[in-house]
N, C-alpha and C. Protein backbone atom coordinates (compact mmCIF):
# COMPACT_ATOMS: atom_id res chain seq x y z
N UNK A 1 0.85 -1.19 0.00
CA UNK A 1 0.00 0.00 0.00
C UNK A 1 0.88 1.23 0.00
N UNK A 2 0.90 1.95 -1.10
CA UNK A 2 1.71 3.15 -1.16
C UNK A 2 3.12 2.91 -1.65
N UNK A 3 3.57 1.65 -1.63
CA UNK A 3 4.92 1.35 -2.09
C UNK A 3 4.83 0.68 -3.44
N UNK A 4 5.55 1.21 -4.41
CA UNK A 4 5.54 0.59 -5.73
C UNK A 4 6.89 -0.04 -5.98
N UNK A 5 6.88 -1.28 -6.43
CA UNK A 5 8.12 -1.97 -6.74
C UNK A 5 8.06 -2.44 -8.17
N UNK A 6 9.13 -2.20 -8.91
CA UNK A 6 9.17 -2.65 -10.29
C UNK A 6 9.33 -4.16 -10.32
N UNK A 7 8.58 -4.84 -11.18
CA UNK A 7 8.73 -6.30 -11.26
C UNK A 7 10.12 -6.65 -11.76
N UNK A 8 10.71 -7.73 -11.26
CA UNK A 8 12.06 -8.11 -11.68
C UNK A 8 12.07 -8.48 -13.15
N UNK A 9 13.17 -8.20 -13.82
CA UNK A 9 13.26 -8.54 -15.24
C UNK A 9 13.22 -10.05 -15.40
N UNK A 10 12.55 -10.48 -16.47
CA UNK A 10 12.30 -11.91 -16.63
C UNK A 10 13.54 -12.69 -17.03
N UNK A 11 14.54 -12.03 -17.62
CA UNK A 11 15.71 -12.76 -18.09
C UNK A 11 16.77 -12.95 -17.00
N UNK A 12 16.61 -12.24 -15.89
CA UNK A 12 17.60 -12.37 -14.82
C UNK A 12 17.08 -13.32 -13.74
N UNK A 13 17.96 -14.14 -13.19
CA UNK A 13 17.53 -15.01 -12.09
C UNK A 13 17.14 -14.18 -10.87
N UNK A 14 16.12 -14.63 -10.18
CA UNK A 14 15.64 -13.88 -9.02
C UNK A 14 16.55 -14.17 -7.84
N UNK A 15 17.19 -13.14 -7.33
CA UNK A 15 18.10 -13.29 -6.21
C UNK A 15 17.51 -12.54 -5.02
N UNK A 16 17.48 -13.22 -3.89
CA UNK A 16 16.95 -12.59 -2.69
C UNK A 16 18.01 -11.69 -2.09
N UNK A 17 17.79 -10.39 -2.19
CA UNK A 17 18.78 -9.45 -1.67
C UNK A 17 18.21 -8.71 -0.46
N UNK A 18 17.35 -9.39 0.27
CA UNK A 18 16.72 -8.76 1.43
C UNK A 18 17.77 -8.52 2.52
N UNK A 19 17.71 -7.34 3.12
CA UNK A 19 18.58 -7.05 4.23
C UNK A 19 17.81 -6.17 5.21
N UNK A 20 18.28 -6.13 6.43
CA UNK A 20 17.58 -5.36 7.45
C UNK A 20 18.03 -3.91 7.36
N UNK A 21 17.06 -3.03 7.21
CA UNK A 21 17.37 -1.61 7.06
C UNK A 21 16.72 -0.86 8.21
N UNK A 22 17.50 -0.01 8.85
CA UNK A 22 16.97 0.80 9.95
C UNK A 22 16.64 2.19 9.42
N UNK A 23 15.40 2.64 9.69
CA UNK A 23 14.95 3.94 9.22
C UNK A 23 14.70 4.83 10.43
N UNK A 24 15.26 6.02 10.40
CA UNK A 24 15.05 6.93 11.52
C UNK A 24 13.59 7.36 11.58
N UNK A 25 13.14 7.74 12.76
CA UNK A 25 11.74 8.12 12.93
C UNK A 25 11.42 9.36 12.09
N UNK A 26 12.38 10.27 11.96
CA UNK A 26 12.14 11.46 11.15
C UNK A 26 11.94 11.09 9.69
N UNK A 27 12.77 10.18 9.19
CA UNK A 27 12.63 9.75 7.80
C UNK A 27 11.30 9.04 7.60
N UNK A 28 10.91 8.22 8.58
CA UNK A 28 9.64 7.51 8.48
C UNK A 28 8.47 8.49 8.46
N UNK A 29 8.54 9.50 9.30
CA UNK A 29 7.48 10.51 9.31
C UNK A 29 7.41 11.23 7.97
N UNK A 30 8.56 11.57 7.40
CA UNK A 30 8.57 12.25 6.11
C UNK A 30 7.98 11.36 5.03
N UNK A 31 8.36 10.06 5.06
CA UNK A 31 7.83 9.14 4.05
C UNK A 31 6.32 9.02 4.18
N UNK A 32 5.83 8.92 5.41
CA UNK A 32 4.39 8.79 5.61
C UNK A 32 3.68 10.06 5.16
N UNK A 33 4.26 11.21 5.49
CA UNK A 33 3.63 12.48 5.11
C UNK A 33 3.57 12.61 3.60
N UNK A 34 4.65 12.26 2.92
CA UNK A 34 4.67 12.36 1.47
C UNK A 34 3.74 11.32 0.85
N UNK A 35 3.69 10.14 1.44
CA UNK A 35 2.82 9.09 0.91
C UNK A 35 1.36 9.46 1.06
N UNK A 36 1.01 10.07 2.19
CA UNK A 36 -0.38 10.44 2.43
C UNK A 36 -0.79 11.65 1.59
N UNK A 37 0.19 12.41 1.10
CA UNK A 37 -0.14 13.60 0.33
C UNK A 37 -0.80 13.23 -0.99
N UNK A 38 -0.56 12.02 -1.47
CA UNK A 38 -1.22 11.57 -2.68
C UNK A 38 -0.65 12.19 -3.94
N UNK A 39 0.67 12.37 -3.97
CA UNK A 39 1.30 12.90 -5.17
C UNK A 39 1.24 11.84 -6.26
N UNK A 40 0.63 12.15 -7.40
CA UNK A 40 0.42 11.11 -8.43
C UNK A 40 1.69 10.72 -9.17
N UNK A 41 2.73 11.52 -9.06
CA UNK A 41 3.94 11.22 -9.82
C UNK A 41 4.98 10.54 -8.93
N UNK A 42 5.41 9.37 -9.34
CA UNK A 42 6.45 8.66 -8.60
C UNK A 42 7.42 8.10 -9.63
N UNK A 43 8.68 8.46 -9.50
CA UNK A 43 9.68 8.08 -10.50
C UNK A 43 10.65 7.08 -9.90
N UNK A 44 10.66 5.87 -10.43
CA UNK A 44 11.60 4.82 -10.03
C UNK A 44 11.60 4.60 -8.52
N UNK A 45 10.44 4.63 -7.91
CA UNK A 45 10.35 4.38 -6.48
C UNK A 45 10.74 5.57 -5.64
N UNK A 46 11.12 6.68 -6.26
CA UNK A 46 11.49 7.88 -5.51
C UNK A 46 10.26 8.77 -5.42
N UNK A 47 9.78 8.97 -4.22
CA UNK A 47 8.56 9.77 -4.08
C UNK A 47 8.90 11.24 -4.17
N UNK A 48 8.16 11.94 -5.00
CA UNK A 48 8.34 13.37 -5.14
C UNK A 48 7.15 14.05 -4.46
N UNK A 49 7.45 15.04 -3.64
CA UNK A 49 6.35 15.71 -2.98
C UNK A 49 6.79 16.98 -2.34
């Protein structure tokens, strides 16, 4: 919900590159605020707002 992920390319093997990422509370608040703003334009997963 609110996060867009590009589907993996079909010719490349799917590699699990999951890692644990720590996000500061300020960054999380900014992401939530920008996500709730409903900006229709999102470029390559980078939210603009």
